[in-house]
Amino acid sequence: MTDHATRYLYLARHGEAAHTEGGGLTAAGRRQATLLGRRLAGRPITAVHHGPLPRAAETARLVAEQLDGVLPTVCEEAGDYLPYLPERAELPEESAEFLLDFLSHATPEECASGAVLAPRAVERFTGPVAGGEERHELVVTHAFLVGWLVRHALDAPAWRWLGLNVANAGLTVLRYAPGRPPSVLLLNDQGHLPEELRWTGFPAALRF
């Protein structure tokens, strides 16, 4: 039987993005990414994955500059997509209308893409790792995928990725130890950011 070791999965939403063509980071977003990298510099991270969009790629590059010898790599599974589109019957009656309205913008193509990529993300990024050495890896991604992987770790219903939002450069850490259920060690932690850089990506009323 193959030995397995613990995986530590670090998840971060990209830094604040500019609302311009190309969608790179704002000055604040670049600061967020650099500070996130400094936060992670003491961790034994050996891989940095990121989605294809410029805001994720730039964040990953700035984070990796603070790490020792780690080069970021792009992968579709870390991209920006709708991981699961629920049916009305799956949703709580009191919030079904609100949630379905939120999801109503999704195109058939987006739904089809997410149905393929979300299971692939679970397969690629979750669970203990083969071999005797624990693994620490970072995925720089988007809010939807962070919510999807947290939901998966908690074995919650598939629709429950909804409502698990994260701020720009917020840090979430999941632990997958052999023989144990997954653990959520951190969720949307922003301790590495000064107050003026926290909670970007959230409506003002939801910033704490």
N, C-alpha and C. Protein backbone atom coordinates (compact mmCIF):
# COMPACT_ATOMS: atom_id res chain seq x y z
N MET A 1 0.85 -1.20 0.00
CA MET A 1 0.00 0.00 0.00
C MET A 1 0.88 1.25 0.00
N THR A 2 0.57 2.20 -0.84
CA THR A 2 1.37 3.41 -0.96
C THR A 2 1.19 4.30 0.27
N ASP A 3 2.31 4.79 0.81
CA ASP A 3 2.24 5.73 1.91
C ASP A 3 1.71 7.06 1.41
N HIS A 4 1.00 7.76 2.29
CA HIS A 4 0.51 9.09 1.96
C HIS A 4 0.93 10.07 3.04
N ALA A 5 1.04 11.32 2.66
CA ALA A 5 1.44 12.37 3.58
C ALA A 5 0.44 13.51 3.51
N THR A 6 0.55 14.42 4.45
CA THR A 6 -0.39 15.53 4.56
C THR A 6 -0.15 16.57 3.47
N ARG A 7 -1.23 17.05 2.92
CA ARG A 7 -1.20 18.19 1.98
C ARG A 7 -1.74 19.42 2.70
N TYR A 8 -1.00 20.53 2.59
CA TYR A 8 -1.49 21.83 3.02
C TYR A 8 -1.77 22.63 1.75
N LEU A 9 -3.04 22.97 1.57
CA LEU A 9 -3.45 23.72 0.38
C LEU A 9 -3.75 25.16 0.78
N TYR A 10 -2.96 26.08 0.25
CA TYR A 10 -3.14 27.51 0.51
C TYR A 10 -3.93 28.08 -0.67
N LEU A 11 -5.02 28.74 -0.38
CA LEU A 11 -5.87 29.33 -1.41
C LEU A 11 -5.91 30.84 -1.21
N ALA A 12 -5.73 31.58 -2.29
CA ALA A 12 -5.80 33.04 -2.20
C ALA A 12 -6.54 33.59 -3.41
N ARG A 13 -7.46 34.49 -3.15
CA ARG A 13 -8.06 35.23 -4.25
C ARG A 13 -7.05 36.26 -4.74
N HIS A 14 -7.07 36.53 -6.03
CA HIS A 14 -6.18 37.53 -6.62
C HIS A 14 -6.33 38.89 -5.93
N GLY A 15 -5.35 39.75 -6.12
CA GLY A 15 -5.43 41.12 -5.60
C GLY A 15 -6.49 41.93 -6.33
N GLU A 16 -6.76 43.10 -5.80
CA GLU A 16 -7.77 43.98 -6.39
C GLU A 16 -7.43 44.25 -7.86
N ALA A 17 -8.43 44.08 -8.72
CA ALA A 17 -8.21 44.20 -10.16
C ALA A 17 -8.73 45.54 -10.68
N ALA A 18 -8.05 46.05 -11.70
CA ALA A 18 -8.48 47.28 -12.37
C ALA A 18 -9.64 46.96 -13.31
N HIS A 19 -10.59 47.88 -13.41
CA HIS A 19 -11.73 47.71 -14.31
C HIS A 19 -11.38 48.31 -15.68
N THR A 20 -10.34 47.75 -16.27
CA THR A 20 -9.88 48.23 -17.56
C THR A 20 -9.63 47.02 -18.45
N GLU A 21 -9.41 47.28 -19.72
CA GLU A 21 -9.10 46.20 -20.64
C GLU A 21 -7.81 45.51 -20.20
N GLY A 22 -7.85 44.20 -20.14
CA GLY A 22 -6.69 43.44 -19.67
C GLY A 22 -6.86 42.95 -18.26
N GLY A 23 -7.55 43.74 -17.42
CA GLY A 23 -7.89 43.27 -16.08
C GLY A 23 -6.74 42.95 -15.17
N GLY A 24 -5.62 43.72 -15.27
CA GLY A 24 -4.52 43.53 -14.34
C GLY A 24 -4.84 44.12 -12.98
N LEU A 25 -3.85 44.17 -12.11
CA LEU A 25 -4.06 44.65 -10.76
C LEU A 25 -3.97 46.17 -10.65
N THR A 26 -4.70 46.71 -9.70
CA THR A 26 -4.53 48.10 -9.32
C THR A 26 -3.25 48.23 -8.48
N ALA A 27 -2.87 49.46 -8.17
CA ALA A 27 -1.72 49.66 -7.27
C ALA A 27 -1.98 48.99 -5.93
N ALA A 28 -3.23 49.11 -5.43
CA ALA A 28 -3.58 48.45 -4.17
C ALA A 28 -3.48 46.93 -4.32
N GLY A 29 -3.92 46.41 -5.45
CA GLY A 29 -3.85 44.97 -5.69
C GLY A 29 -2.42 44.46 -5.71
N ARG A 30 -1.51 45.25 -6.27
CA ARG A 30 -0.10 44.84 -6.29
C ARG A 30 0.48 44.84 -4.88
N ARG A 31 0.10 45.81 -4.08
CA ARG A 31 0.55 45.82 -2.68
C ARG A 31 -0.01 44.61 -1.94
N GLN A 32 -1.27 44.31 -2.16
CA GLN A 32 -1.87 43.14 -1.51
C GLN A 32 -1.11 41.87 -1.86
N ALA A 33 -0.79 41.71 -3.14
CA ALA A 33 -0.10 40.49 -3.58
C ALA A 33 1.29 40.39 -2.96
N THR A 34 2.02 41.50 -2.93
CA THR A 34 3.35 41.48 -2.33
C THR A 34 3.29 41.14 -0.85
N LEU A 35 2.32 41.72 -0.15
CA LEU A 35 2.18 41.44 1.28
C LEU A 35 1.75 40.00 1.54
N LEU A 36 0.92 39.47 0.66
CA LEU A 36 0.56 38.05 0.78
C LEU A 36 1.80 37.18 0.60
N GLY A 37 2.64 37.53 -0.35
CA GLY A 37 3.88 36.79 -0.54
C GLY A 37 4.77 36.84 0.69
N ARG A 38 4.87 37.99 1.30
CA ARG A 38 5.68 38.11 2.52
C ARG A 38 5.09 37.28 3.65
N ARG A 39 3.77 37.23 3.71
CA ARG A 39 3.10 36.40 4.72
C ARG A 39 3.47 34.92 4.54
N LEU A 40 3.58 34.50 3.29
CA LEU A 40 3.83 33.08 3.00
C LEU A 40 5.31 32.74 2.90
N ALA A 41 6.18 33.73 2.99
CA ALA A 41 7.60 33.49 2.76
C ALA A 41 8.20 32.49 3.74
N GLY A 42 7.66 32.39 4.92
CA GLY A 42 8.19 31.46 5.91
C GLY A 42 7.63 30.05 5.80
N ARG A 43 6.71 29.84 4.87
CA ARG A 43 6.10 28.52 4.71
C ARG A 43 6.84 27.71 3.65
N PRO A 44 6.89 26.39 3.78
CA PRO A 44 7.65 25.56 2.82
C PRO A 44 6.88 25.27 1.54
N ILE A 45 6.42 26.33 0.88
CA ILE A 45 5.62 26.18 -0.35
C ILE A 45 6.53 25.80 -1.51
N THR A 46 6.15 24.75 -2.22
CA THR A 46 6.97 24.27 -3.33
C THR A 46 6.30 24.44 -4.68
N ALA A 47 5.03 24.89 -4.70
CA ALA A 47 4.33 25.09 -5.97
C ALA A 47 3.34 26.23 -5.83
N VAL A 48 3.26 27.06 -6.88
CA VAL A 48 2.28 28.14 -6.96
C VAL A 48 1.52 27.97 -8.27
N HIS A 49 0.24 27.65 -8.17
CA HIS A 49 -0.63 27.51 -9.34
C HIS A 49 -1.49 28.76 -9.46
N HIS A 50 -1.86 29.12 -10.67
CA HIS A 50 -2.76 30.26 -10.84
C HIS A 50 -3.62 30.07 -12.07
N GLY A 51 -4.75 30.76 -12.08
CA GLY A 51 -5.64 30.73 -13.22
C GLY A 51 -5.10 31.55 -14.38
N PRO A 52 -5.72 31.43 -15.57
CA PRO A 52 -5.21 32.08 -16.77
C PRO A 52 -5.39 33.59 -16.84
N LEU A 53 -6.34 34.16 -16.10
CA LEU A 53 -6.63 35.58 -16.25
C LEU A 53 -5.49 36.46 -15.71
N PRO A 54 -5.29 37.65 -16.31
CA PRO A 54 -4.17 38.50 -15.92
C PRO A 54 -4.12 38.83 -14.43
N ARG A 55 -5.27 39.06 -13.80
CA ARG A 55 -5.26 39.43 -12.38
C ARG A 55 -4.73 38.29 -11.50
N ALA A 56 -5.01 37.06 -11.88
CA ALA A 56 -4.47 35.92 -11.12
C ALA A 56 -3.00 35.70 -11.43
N ALA A 57 -2.63 35.83 -12.70
CA ALA A 57 -1.24 35.63 -13.09
C ALA A 57 -0.33 36.66 -12.45
N GLU A 58 -0.75 37.93 -12.44
CA GLU A 58 0.07 38.98 -11.85
C GLU A 58 0.20 38.79 -10.34
N THR A 59 -0.90 38.42 -9.69
CA THR A 59 -0.85 38.16 -8.25
C THR A 59 0.13 37.03 -7.94
N ALA A 60 0.03 35.94 -8.70
CA ALA A 60 0.92 34.79 -8.47
C ALA A 60 2.39 35.18 -8.66
N ARG A 61 2.66 35.98 -9.69
CA ARG A 61 4.04 36.40 -9.93
C ARG A 61 4.58 37.22 -8.77
N LEU A 62 3.79 38.17 -8.27
CA LEU A 62 4.23 39.02 -7.16
C LEU A 62 4.39 38.21 -5.88
N VAL A 63 3.51 37.26 -5.65
CA VAL A 63 3.65 36.39 -4.48
C VAL A 63 4.92 35.55 -4.60
N ALA A 64 5.12 34.94 -5.76
CA ALA A 64 6.26 34.05 -5.96
C ALA A 64 7.59 34.78 -5.82
N GLU A 65 7.62 36.07 -6.11
CA GLU A 65 8.85 36.85 -5.95
C GLU A 65 9.30 36.87 -4.49
N GLN A 66 8.39 36.66 -3.57
CA GLN A 66 8.72 36.67 -2.14
C GLN A 66 9.08 35.28 -1.62
N LEU A 67 8.92 34.27 -2.45
CA LEU A 67 9.20 32.90 -2.05
C LEU A 67 10.57 32.48 -2.57
N ASP A 68 11.06 31.38 -2.08
CA ASP A 68 12.41 30.95 -2.41
C ASP A 68 12.39 29.92 -3.53
N GLY A 69 12.70 30.37 -4.75
CA GLY A 69 12.87 29.45 -5.85
C GLY A 69 11.62 28.79 -6.38
N VAL A 70 10.47 29.42 -6.20
CA VAL A 70 9.21 28.85 -6.68
C VAL A 70 8.73 29.66 -7.88
N LEU A 71 8.48 28.98 -8.99
CA LEU A 71 7.98 29.64 -10.18
C LEU A 71 6.49 29.35 -10.34
N PRO A 72 5.67 30.38 -10.57
CA PRO A 72 4.23 30.14 -10.74
C PRO A 72 3.94 29.44 -12.06
N THR A 73 2.92 28.60 -12.05
CA THR A 73 2.49 27.89 -13.25
C THR A 73 0.99 28.06 -13.43
N VAL A 74 0.58 28.24 -14.69
CA VAL A 74 -0.83 28.46 -14.99
C VAL A 74 -1.54 27.13 -15.16
N CYS A 75 -2.81 27.06 -14.72
CA CYS A 75 -3.62 25.86 -14.96
C CYS A 75 -5.09 26.26 -15.03
N GLU A 76 -5.83 25.62 -15.91
CA GLU A 76 -7.24 25.92 -16.11
C GLU A 76 -8.06 25.67 -14.86
N GLU A 77 -7.70 24.66 -14.10
CA GLU A 77 -8.49 24.30 -12.91
C GLU A 77 -8.52 25.42 -11.88
N ALA A 78 -7.54 26.31 -11.91
CA ALA A 78 -7.49 27.43 -10.97
C ALA A 78 -8.16 28.68 -11.53
N GLY A 79 -8.89 28.56 -12.63
CA GLY A 79 -9.47 29.71 -13.29
C GLY A 79 -10.75 30.22 -12.67
N ASP A 80 -11.35 31.17 -13.37
CA ASP A 80 -12.58 31.84 -12.92
C ASP A 80 -13.77 31.20 -13.63
N TYR A 81 -14.51 30.37 -12.94
CA TYR A 81 -15.65 29.68 -13.54
C TYR A 81 -16.70 29.38 -12.49
N LEU A 82 -17.88 29.05 -12.94
CA LEU A 82 -19.00 28.69 -12.07
C LEU A 82 -18.88 27.21 -11.75
N PRO A 83 -18.56 26.84 -10.50
CA PRO A 83 -18.27 25.43 -10.24
C PRO A 83 -19.48 24.51 -10.23
N TYR A 84 -20.64 25.06 -9.90
CA TYR A 84 -21.82 24.20 -9.81
C TYR A 84 -23.07 25.08 -9.88
N LEU A 85 -24.00 24.70 -10.74
CA LEU A 85 -25.25 25.43 -10.87
C LEU A 85 -26.37 24.57 -10.28
N PRO A 86 -26.92 24.97 -9.14
CA PRO A 86 -27.93 24.14 -8.49
C PRO A 86 -29.30 24.28 -9.12
N GLU A 87 -30.11 23.28 -8.88
CA GLU A 87 -31.53 23.35 -9.20
C GLU A 87 -32.26 24.02 -8.04
N ARG A 88 -33.41 24.60 -8.32
CA ARG A 88 -34.17 25.28 -7.26
C ARG A 88 -34.47 24.35 -6.09
N ALA A 89 -34.78 23.09 -6.38
CA ALA A 89 -35.17 22.16 -5.33
C ALA A 89 -34.04 21.88 -4.33
N GLU A 90 -32.79 22.13 -4.73
CA GLU A 90 -31.66 21.92 -3.83
C GLU A 90 -31.50 23.04 -2.82
N LEU A 91 -32.06 24.20 -3.10
CA LEU A 91 -31.77 25.40 -2.34
C LEU A 91 -32.78 25.60 -1.21
N PRO A 92 -32.37 26.25 -0.12
CA PRO A 92 -33.32 26.59 0.94
C PRO A 92 -34.43 27.48 0.38
N GLU A 93 -35.64 27.22 0.76
CA GLU A 93 -36.78 27.95 0.20
C GLU A 93 -36.65 29.45 0.39
N GLU A 94 -36.15 29.87 1.56
CA GLU A 94 -36.12 31.29 1.88
C GLU A 94 -35.07 32.06 1.07
N SER A 95 -34.08 31.38 0.53
CA SER A 95 -33.03 32.08 -0.21
C SER A 95 -32.92 31.65 -1.67
N ALA A 96 -33.77 30.75 -2.11
CA ALA A 96 -33.66 30.22 -3.47
C ALA A 96 -33.78 31.33 -4.52
N GLU A 97 -34.73 32.23 -4.36
CA GLU A 97 -34.93 33.28 -5.37
C GLU A 97 -33.71 34.17 -5.48
N PHE A 98 -33.16 34.56 -4.34
CA PHE A 98 -31.97 35.42 -4.34
C PHE A 98 -30.80 34.72 -5.02
N LEU A 99 -30.55 33.46 -4.68
CA LEU A 99 -29.41 32.74 -5.23
C LEU A 99 -29.57 32.49 -6.72
N LEU A 100 -30.75 32.13 -7.14
CA LEU A 100 -30.97 31.88 -8.57
C LEU A 100 -30.85 33.17 -9.37
N ASP A 101 -31.26 34.28 -8.79
CA ASP A 101 -31.10 35.57 -9.47
C ASP A 101 -29.61 35.90 -9.61
N PHE A 102 -28.85 35.62 -8.56
CA PHE A 102 -27.40 35.85 -8.60
C PHE A 102 -26.74 35.03 -9.71
N LEU A 103 -27.24 33.81 -9.93
CA LEU A 103 -26.64 32.91 -10.92
C LEU A 103 -27.21 33.08 -12.32
N SER A 104 -28.20 33.95 -12.46
CA SER A 104 -28.93 34.03 -13.73
C SER A 104 -28.07 34.55 -14.88
N HIS A 105 -26.94 35.19 -14.57
CA HIS A 105 -26.07 35.73 -15.62
C HIS A 105 -25.27 34.63 -16.31
N ALA A 106 -25.19 33.46 -15.72
CA ALA A 106 -24.32 32.40 -16.24
C ALA A 106 -24.82 31.90 -17.59
N THR A 107 -23.92 31.80 -18.55
CA THR A 107 -24.27 31.29 -19.87
C THR A 107 -24.17 29.76 -19.87
N PRO A 108 -24.82 29.10 -20.82
CA PRO A 108 -24.68 27.64 -20.93
C PRO A 108 -23.22 27.22 -21.08
N GLU A 109 -22.43 28.01 -21.80
CA GLU A 109 -21.02 27.68 -21.99
C GLU A 109 -20.26 27.75 -20.66
N GLU A 110 -20.56 28.76 -19.86
CA GLU A 110 -19.90 28.89 -18.56
C GLU A 110 -20.27 27.71 -17.65
N CYS A 111 -21.52 27.33 -17.67
CA CYS A 111 -21.97 26.21 -16.83
C CYS A 111 -21.30 24.91 -17.28
N ALA A 112 -21.20 24.71 -18.58
CA ALA A 112 -20.58 23.49 -19.10
C ALA A 112 -19.10 23.44 -18.74
N SER A 113 -18.42 24.58 -18.86
CA SER A 113 -17.00 24.63 -18.52
C SER A 113 -16.79 24.33 -17.04
N GLY A 114 -17.60 24.95 -16.18
CA GLY A 114 -17.46 24.72 -14.74
C GLY A 114 -17.73 23.28 -14.35
N ALA A 115 -18.69 22.64 -15.02
CA ALA A 115 -19.00 21.25 -14.72
C ALA A 115 -17.82 20.33 -14.99
N VAL A 116 -16.95 20.72 -15.92
CA VAL A 116 -15.75 19.94 -16.23
C VAL A 116 -14.61 20.31 -15.28
N LEU A 117 -14.39 21.62 -15.08
CA LEU A 117 -13.21 22.07 -14.36
C LEU A 117 -13.32 21.88 -12.85
N ALA A 118 -14.51 22.04 -12.27
CA ALA A 118 -14.64 21.92 -10.81
C ALA A 118 -14.24 20.54 -10.30
N PRO A 119 -14.71 19.44 -10.89
CA PRO A 119 -14.23 18.12 -10.44
C PRO A 119 -12.73 17.93 -10.66
N ARG A 120 -12.22 18.48 -11.75
CA ARG A 120 -10.79 18.38 -11.99
C ARG A 120 -9.99 19.13 -10.93
N ALA A 121 -10.50 20.27 -10.46
CA ALA A 121 -9.83 21.02 -9.40
C ALA A 121 -9.78 20.20 -8.11
N VAL A 122 -10.90 19.55 -7.79
CA VAL A 122 -10.93 18.69 -6.60
C VAL A 122 -9.89 17.57 -6.72
N GLU A 123 -9.84 16.94 -7.89
CA GLU A 123 -8.90 15.84 -8.09
C GLU A 123 -7.46 16.32 -8.02
N ARG A 124 -7.19 17.50 -8.56
CA ARG A 124 -5.81 17.99 -8.64
C ARG A 124 -5.29 18.55 -7.32
N PHE A 125 -6.15 19.24 -6.57
CA PHE A 125 -5.67 20.03 -5.45
C PHE A 125 -6.00 19.47 -4.07
N THR A 126 -6.84 18.47 -3.94
CA THR A 126 -7.30 18.06 -2.62
C THR A 126 -6.82 16.66 -2.26
N GLY A 127 -6.92 16.33 -0.98
CA GLY A 127 -6.58 15.01 -0.47
C GLY A 127 -5.12 14.87 -0.09
N PRO A 128 -4.79 13.89 0.73
CA PRO A 128 -3.38 13.59 1.04
C PRO A 128 -2.61 13.28 -0.23
N VAL A 129 -1.29 13.39 -0.15
CA VAL A 129 -0.44 13.18 -1.32
C VAL A 129 0.32 11.87 -1.19
N ALA A 130 0.56 11.24 -2.31
CA ALA A 130 1.31 9.99 -2.32
C ALA A 130 2.76 10.25 -1.94
N GLY A 131 3.35 9.29 -1.24
CA GLY A 131 4.74 9.44 -0.83
C GLY A 131 4.84 9.80 0.64
N GLY A 132 6.04 9.95 1.11
CA GLY A 132 6.25 10.17 2.54
C GLY A 132 6.45 11.61 2.95
N GLU A 133 6.44 12.55 1.99
CA GLU A 133 6.70 13.95 2.33
C GLU A 133 5.44 14.79 2.21
N GLU A 134 5.18 15.61 3.24
CA GLU A 134 4.03 16.50 3.17
C GLU A 134 4.26 17.56 2.09
N ARG A 135 3.16 18.09 1.58
CA ARG A 135 3.23 19.05 0.48
C ARG A 135 2.53 20.35 0.89
N HIS A 136 3.15 21.46 0.54
CA HIS A 136 2.57 22.79 0.74
C HIS A 136 2.49 23.45 -0.63
N GLU A 137 1.29 23.78 -1.08
CA GLU A 137 1.14 24.42 -2.39
C GLU A 137 0.08 25.51 -2.33
N LEU A 138 0.29 26.52 -3.15
CA LEU A 138 -0.58 27.69 -3.19
C LEU A 138 -1.33 27.71 -4.51
N VAL A 139 -2.63 28.01 -4.44
CA VAL A 139 -3.45 28.24 -5.63
C VAL A 139 -3.95 29.68 -5.58
N VAL A 140 -3.52 30.49 -6.52
CA VAL A 140 -4.01 31.87 -6.66
C VAL A 140 -5.17 31.82 -7.65
N THR A 141 -6.35 32.16 -7.18
CA THR A 141 -7.54 31.90 -7.98
C THR A 141 -8.58 32.99 -7.77
N HIS A 142 -9.84 32.60 -7.82
CA HIS A 142 -10.96 33.53 -7.74
C HIS A 142 -11.92 33.06 -6.64
N ALA A 143 -12.83 33.95 -6.27
CA ALA A 143 -13.67 33.67 -5.10
C ALA A 143 -14.48 32.39 -5.24
N PHE A 144 -15.00 32.12 -6.45
CA PHE A 144 -15.87 30.96 -6.61
C PHE A 144 -15.14 29.66 -6.31
N LEU A 145 -13.91 29.52 -6.78
CA LEU A 145 -13.18 28.27 -6.56
C LEU A 145 -12.80 28.10 -5.09
N VAL A 146 -12.44 29.19 -4.42
CA VAL A 146 -12.16 29.08 -2.99
C VAL A 146 -13.40 28.55 -2.26
N GLY A 147 -14.55 29.13 -2.56
CA GLY A 147 -15.78 28.65 -1.94
C GLY A 147 -16.06 27.19 -2.25
N TRP A 148 -15.81 26.79 -3.50
CA TRP A 148 -16.06 25.41 -3.91
C TRP A 148 -15.17 24.42 -3.16
N LEU A 149 -13.89 24.76 -2.99
CA LEU A 149 -12.98 23.84 -2.32
C LEU A 149 -13.21 23.81 -0.80
N VAL A 150 -13.60 24.93 -0.22
CA VAL A 150 -13.97 24.92 1.21
C VAL A 150 -15.22 24.08 1.41
N ARG A 151 -16.20 24.25 0.54
CA ARG A 151 -17.42 23.44 0.61
C ARG A 151 -17.09 21.96 0.52
N HIS A 152 -16.19 21.61 -0.40
CA HIS A 152 -15.80 20.22 -0.56
C HIS A 152 -15.12 19.69 0.69
N ALA A 153 -14.23 20.49 1.28
CA ALA A 153 -13.53 20.06 2.49
C ALA A 153 -14.49 19.78 3.63
N LEU A 154 -15.57 20.54 3.70
CA LEU A 154 -16.55 20.38 4.78
C LEU A 154 -17.64 19.37 4.44
N ASP A 155 -17.56 18.77 3.24
CA ASP A 155 -18.55 17.79 2.78
C ASP A 155 -19.96 18.38 2.85
N ALA A 156 -20.08 19.65 2.49
CA ALA A 156 -21.37 20.34 2.48
C ALA A 156 -22.08 20.08 1.15
N PRO A 157 -23.37 20.37 1.07
CA PRO A 157 -24.08 20.19 -0.21
C PRO A 157 -23.42 20.96 -1.33
N ALA A 158 -23.54 20.46 -2.55
CA ALA A 158 -22.83 21.04 -3.69
C ALA A 158 -23.14 22.52 -3.88
N TRP A 159 -24.38 22.94 -3.59
CA TRP A 159 -24.74 24.34 -3.82
C TRP A 159 -24.08 25.28 -2.83
N ARG A 160 -23.52 24.75 -1.73
CA ARG A 160 -23.11 25.60 -0.61
C ARG A 160 -21.80 26.35 -0.84
N TRP A 161 -21.23 26.24 -2.05
CA TRP A 161 -20.12 27.15 -2.37
C TRP A 161 -20.61 28.58 -2.41
N LEU A 162 -21.90 28.73 -2.66
CA LEU A 162 -22.51 30.06 -2.65
C LEU A 162 -22.51 30.61 -1.23
N GLY A 163 -22.13 31.86 -1.09
CA GLY A 163 -22.09 32.50 0.22
C GLY A 163 -20.74 32.39 0.91
N LEU A 164 -19.82 31.62 0.34
CA LEU A 164 -18.48 31.50 0.93
C LEU A 164 -17.52 32.39 0.15
N ASN A 165 -17.72 33.68 0.25
CA ASN A 165 -16.92 34.62 -0.51
C ASN A 165 -15.64 34.96 0.24
N VAL A 166 -14.66 35.48 -0.48
CA VAL A 166 -13.38 35.86 0.13
C VAL A 166 -12.92 37.19 -0.46
N ALA A 167 -12.15 37.92 0.33
CA ALA A 167 -11.65 39.23 -0.10
C ALA A 167 -10.42 39.07 -0.97
N ASN A 168 -10.09 40.13 -1.69
CA ASN A 168 -8.86 40.13 -2.49
C ASN A 168 -7.65 39.87 -1.58
N ALA A 169 -6.82 38.91 -1.98
CA ALA A 169 -5.61 38.52 -1.25
C ALA A 169 -5.90 37.93 0.12
N GLY A 170 -7.16 37.57 0.38
CA GLY A 170 -7.47 36.84 1.60
C GLY A 170 -6.90 35.43 1.52
N LEU A 171 -6.46 34.90 2.65
CA LEU A 171 -5.78 33.60 2.69
C LEU A 171 -6.65 32.55 3.37
N THR A 172 -6.83 31.43 2.68
CA THR A 172 -7.53 30.27 3.22
C THR A 172 -6.55 29.09 3.17
N VAL A 173 -6.55 28.29 4.23
CA VAL A 173 -5.66 27.13 4.28
C VAL A 173 -6.46 25.89 4.65
N LEU A 174 -6.34 24.85 3.81
CA LEU A 174 -6.98 23.57 4.05
C LEU A 174 -5.91 22.52 4.31
N ARG A 175 -6.22 21.61 5.22
CA ARG A 175 -5.26 20.54 5.58
C ARG A 175 -5.90 19.19 5.29
N TYR A 176 -5.17 18.36 4.54
CA TYR A 176 -5.63 17.02 4.20
C TYR A 176 -4.64 16.02 4.78
N ALA A 177 -4.96 15.44 5.92
CA ALA A 177 -4.08 14.48 6.59
C ALA A 177 -4.60 13.06 6.37
N PRO A 178 -3.71 12.11 6.14
CA PRO A 178 -4.16 10.73 5.95
C PRO A 178 -4.97 10.23 7.14
N GLY A 179 -6.08 9.58 6.85
CA GLY A 179 -6.88 8.99 7.91
C GLY A 179 -7.72 9.96 8.71
N ARG A 180 -7.78 11.23 8.28
CA ARG A 180 -8.56 12.24 9.01
C ARG A 180 -9.42 13.01 8.01
N PRO A 181 -10.51 13.59 8.49
CA PRO A 181 -11.28 14.46 7.59
C PRO A 181 -10.51 15.74 7.30
N PRO A 182 -10.77 16.38 6.18
CA PRO A 182 -10.10 17.65 5.90
C PRO A 182 -10.40 18.70 6.97
N SER A 183 -9.44 19.59 7.16
CA SER A 183 -9.58 20.67 8.14
C SER A 183 -9.48 22.02 7.45
N VAL A 184 -10.29 22.96 7.89
CA VAL A 184 -10.17 24.35 7.44
C VAL A 184 -9.39 25.09 8.51
N LEU A 185 -8.11 25.35 8.25
CA LEU A 185 -7.26 25.99 9.24
C LEU A 185 -7.42 27.51 9.25
N LEU A 186 -7.61 28.10 8.08
CA LEU A 186 -7.84 29.53 7.95
C LEU A 186 -8.90 29.75 6.88
N LEU A 187 -9.70 30.80 7.05
CA LEU A 187 -10.69 31.16 6.03
C LEU A 187 -10.68 32.68 5.88
N ASN A 188 -10.33 33.16 4.69
CA ASN A 188 -10.38 34.58 4.38
C ASN A 188 -9.57 35.42 5.36
N ASP A 189 -8.42 34.91 5.79
CA ASP A 189 -7.58 35.63 6.73
C ASP A 189 -6.88 36.78 6.02
N GLN A 190 -6.92 37.96 6.64
CA GLN A 190 -6.33 39.15 6.04
C GLN A 190 -5.35 39.84 6.98
N GLY A 191 -4.81 39.07 7.91
CA GLY A 191 -3.92 39.64 8.91
C GLY A 191 -2.64 40.22 8.34
N HIS A 192 -2.29 39.83 7.11
CA HIS A 192 -1.07 40.35 6.48
C HIS A 192 -1.30 41.71 5.81
N LEU A 193 -2.55 42.16 5.78
CA LEU A 193 -2.88 43.41 5.09
C LEU A 193 -3.16 44.52 6.09
N PRO A 194 -2.71 45.75 5.81
CA PRO A 194 -3.11 46.88 6.64
C PRO A 194 -4.61 47.14 6.43
N GLU A 195 -5.20 47.86 7.35
CA GLU A 195 -6.65 48.05 7.33
C GLU A 195 -7.16 48.60 6.01
N GLU A 196 -6.43 49.52 5.39
CA GLU A 196 -6.92 50.15 4.16
C GLU A 196 -6.93 49.19 2.97
N LEU A 197 -6.25 48.06 3.08
CA LEU A 197 -6.21 47.09 1.99
C LEU A 197 -7.10 45.87 2.25
N ARG A 198 -7.82 45.87 3.35
CA ARG A 198 -8.66 44.72 3.67
C ARG A 198 -10.06 44.87 3.07
N TRP A 199 -10.66 43.73 2.81
CA TRP A 199 -12.06 43.63 2.40
C TRP A 199 -12.36 44.22 1.03
N THR A 200 -11.34 44.48 0.22
CA THR A 200 -11.65 44.87 -1.16
C THR A 200 -12.26 43.65 -1.86
N GLY A 201 -13.20 43.93 -2.75
CA GLY A 201 -13.96 42.85 -3.38
C GLY A 201 -15.25 42.56 -2.67
N PHE A 202 -15.52 43.24 -1.53
CA PHE A 202 -16.77 43.10 -0.79
C PHE A 202 -17.53 44.42 -0.81
N PRO A 203 -18.86 44.38 -0.79
CA PRO A 203 -19.62 45.61 -0.60
C PRO A 203 -19.26 46.27 0.73
N ALA A 204 -19.36 47.58 0.79
CA ALA A 204 -18.96 48.31 1.99
C ALA A 204 -19.69 47.81 3.23
N ALA A 205 -20.95 47.43 3.10
CA ALA A 205 -21.73 47.00 4.26
C ALA A 205 -21.24 45.68 4.84
N LEU A 206 -20.45 44.93 4.09
CA LEU A 206 -19.98 43.62 4.55
C LEU A 206 -18.50 43.63 4.93
N ARG A 207 -17.93 44.80 5.09
CA ARG A 207 -16.53 44.89 5.49
C ARG A 207 -16.46 45.04 7.01
N PHE A 208 -15.62 44.22 7.63
CA PHE A 208 -15.55 44.21 9.09
C PHE A 208 -14.16 44.58 9.57
